[in-house]
Amino acid sequence: MNHVGIVVDDLAAATAFFVDLGLELQGEWSIDGAWVDRVVGLEGVQADNAMLQTQDGHGQIELSRFRAPRGPAGEGDAPANAPGIRHLSFMVDDLDAAVARLQARGTELVGQVERYKDVYLLCYVRGPEGIIVELAERIG
């Protein structure tokens, strides 16, 4: 897999959220023109993008904000069981510290922190645009 693409309305807030999770901003750019129209099957595309990479270099997230054409509003409060891609998962070294750092920026827990057997501490948080992120700390 090369990367996961996420469309957002607030590119700066989404970028800051993933940087707070420990991803590294690799670059930002704008795109438009007939070539991108043909690739994505839309007309008049104007988009701003950011590429973020996990610290180990094995995963990337591309965030895109379409200035044109405007897409339909997303369901920012979709529950964890709604159809579609519902969450991304990241390993963290200290779950409590990661949650505290994100909550200081206004991120909310979806449920609560739970222990899965003696293997993981897990939780879901909801970031900008309603993006659900699972955080996992290996404990066993």
Protein backbone atom coordinates (compact mmCIF):
# COMPACT_ATOMS: atom_id res chain seq x y z
CA MET A 1 0.00 0.00 0.00
CA ASN A 2 1.26 3.48 -0.84
CA HIS A 3 -0.98 5.76 1.24
CA VAL A 4 -4.47 6.44 2.59
CA GLY A 5 -6.27 9.53 1.27
CA ILE A 6 -8.60 11.55 3.48
CA VAL A 7 -10.67 14.51 2.24
CA VAL A 8 -11.05 17.29 4.82
CA ASP A 9 -12.51 20.79 4.99
CA ASP A 10 -9.85 22.19 7.36
CA LEU A 11 -6.47 21.06 6.06
CA ALA A 12 -4.48 22.92 8.73
CA ALA A 13 -6.44 21.40 11.63
CA ALA A 14 -6.26 17.87 10.20
CA THR A 15 -2.53 18.23 9.54
CA ALA A 16 -1.91 19.48 13.09
CA PHE A 17 -3.92 16.55 14.49
CA PHE A 18 -1.81 13.95 12.70
CA VAL A 19 1.43 15.76 13.57
CA ASP A 20 0.32 15.62 17.22
CA LEU A 21 -0.06 11.86 16.77
CA GLY A 22 3.59 11.71 15.76
CA LEU A 23 3.35 11.69 11.97
CA GLU A 24 5.86 13.83 10.09
CA LEU A 25 4.76 16.34 7.47
CA GLN A 26 6.50 15.39 4.22
CA GLY A 27 5.16 18.16 2.01
CA GLU A 28 2.27 20.36 0.97
CA TRP A 29 1.13 21.26 -2.54
CA SER A 30 -1.80 22.46 -4.62
CA ILE A 31 -3.13 20.75 -7.74
CA ASP A 32 -5.45 21.66 -10.58
CA GLY A 33 -5.78 21.09 -14.29
CA ALA A 34 -7.24 18.68 -16.80
CA TRP A 35 -4.95 15.81 -15.77
CA VAL A 36 -6.26 15.70 -12.18
CA ASP A 37 -9.85 16.13 -13.44
CA ARG A 38 -9.37 12.96 -15.51
CA VAL A 39 -7.74 11.03 -12.65
CA VAL A 40 -10.45 11.72 -10.06
CA GLY A 41 -13.41 11.91 -12.47
CA LEU A 42 -14.43 15.48 -11.59
CA GLU A 43 -14.33 18.79 -13.48
CA GLY A 44 -12.55 21.95 -12.39
CA VAL A 45 -10.55 20.37 -9.57
CA GLN A 46 -8.60 22.74 -7.34
CA ALA A 47 -7.18 21.08 -4.25
CA ASP A 48 -4.64 21.65 -1.52
CA ASN A 49 -2.84 18.61 -0.14
CA ALA A 50 -0.51 17.51 2.62
CA MET A 51 1.41 14.22 2.88
CA LEU A 52 2.27 12.86 6.31
CA GLN A 53 4.38 9.84 7.12
CA THR A 54 4.62 7.59 10.15
CA GLN A 55 7.90 7.80 12.05
CA ASP A 56 8.92 4.34 10.92
CA GLY A 57 8.40 5.36 7.28
CA HIS A 58 6.00 2.48 6.57
CA GLY A 59 2.74 4.42 6.28
CA GLN A 60 1.54 7.65 4.72
CA ILE A 61 -1.64 9.71 4.88
CA GLU A 62 -2.55 12.19 2.15
CA LEU A 63 -4.93 14.90 3.31
CA SER A 64 -6.82 16.77 0.57
CA ARG A 65 -8.97 19.88 0.76
CA PHE A 66 -10.99 20.43 -2.42
CA ARG A 67 -11.52 24.14 -3.10
CA ALA A 68 -13.46 23.13 -6.22
CA PRO A 69 -15.69 21.41 -6.88
CA ARG A 70 -17.20 21.34 -3.40
CA GLY A 71 -18.25 17.89 -2.31
CA PRO A 72 -21.23 16.85 -0.23
CA ALA A 73 -21.02 17.41 3.51
CA GLY A 74 -19.64 14.45 5.40
CA GLU A 75 -21.19 12.89 8.46
CA GLY A 76 -18.72 14.12 11.08
CA ASP A 77 -20.36 12.24 13.94
CA ALA A 78 -20.71 8.88 12.20
CA PRO A 79 -20.55 6.05 14.74
CA ALA A 80 -17.82 3.43 14.69
CA ASN A 81 -20.18 0.91 13.03
CA ALA A 82 -21.25 3.07 10.05
CA PRO A 83 -20.38 1.67 6.61
CA GLY A 84 -17.15 2.86 5.01
CA ILE A 85 -13.63 3.33 6.26
CA ARG A 86 -14.29 4.02 9.91
CA HIS A 87 -10.93 4.39 11.62
CA LEU A 88 -7.17 4.41 11.33
CA SER A 89 -5.04 2.76 14.01
CA PHE A 90 -1.71 3.89 15.40
CA MET A 91 0.63 2.32 17.92
CA VAL A 92 1.77 4.69 20.67
CA ASP A 93 4.38 4.26 23.39
CA ASP A 94 2.30 5.94 26.12
CA LEU A 95 -1.46 5.90 25.58
CA ASP A 96 -2.26 8.19 28.52
CA ALA A 97 0.21 10.83 27.32
CA ALA A 98 -1.07 10.61 23.73
CA VAL A 99 -4.69 11.01 24.86
CA ALA A 100 -3.80 13.93 27.16
CA ARG A 101 -1.91 15.69 24.34
CA LEU A 102 -4.84 15.26 21.95
CA GLN A 103 -7.47 16.25 24.53
CA ALA A 104 -5.53 19.46 25.18
CA ARG A 105 -6.25 20.30 21.51
CA GLY A 106 -9.96 19.52 21.87
CA THR A 107 -9.95 15.91 20.69
CA GLU A 108 -12.55 13.74 22.43
CA LEU A 109 -12.58 10.09 23.37
CA VAL A 110 -15.24 8.17 21.45
CA GLY A 111 -15.67 5.67 24.29
CA GLN A 112 -13.11 4.99 26.98
CA VAL A 113 -9.64 3.53 27.41
CA GLU A 114 -9.83 -0.24 27.78
CA ARG A 115 -7.42 -3.12 28.30
CA TYR A 116 -7.53 -5.93 25.73
CA LYS A 117 -6.42 -9.02 27.62
CA ASP A 118 -2.87 -8.33 28.82
CA VAL A 119 -1.73 -7.26 25.37
CA TYR A 120 -2.97 -3.71 24.64
CA LEU A 121 -4.46 -0.58 26.07
CA LEU A 122 -6.88 0.71 23.41
CA CYS A 123 -9.15 3.66 22.76
CA TYR A 124 -10.83 5.54 19.94
CA VAL A 125 -10.55 9.32 19.62
CA ARG A 126 -12.43 11.57 17.22
CA GLY A 127 -10.28 14.15 15.46
CA PRO A 128 -11.04 16.90 12.96
CA GLU A 129 -13.70 16.17 10.33
CA GLY A 130 -14.99 13.33 12.54
CA ILE A 131 -11.98 11.12 11.74
CA ILE A 132 -11.84 8.25 14.22
CA VAL A 133 -8.36 7.12 15.24
CA GLU A 134 -7.66 4.05 17.34
CA LEU A 135 -4.68 4.38 19.65
CA ALA A 136 -3.00 1.21 20.90
CA GLU A 137 -0.25 0.77 23.47
CA ARG A 138 1.33 -2.68 23.70
CA ILE A 139 1.49 -3.69 27.37
CA GLY A 140 2.22 -7.38 27.20
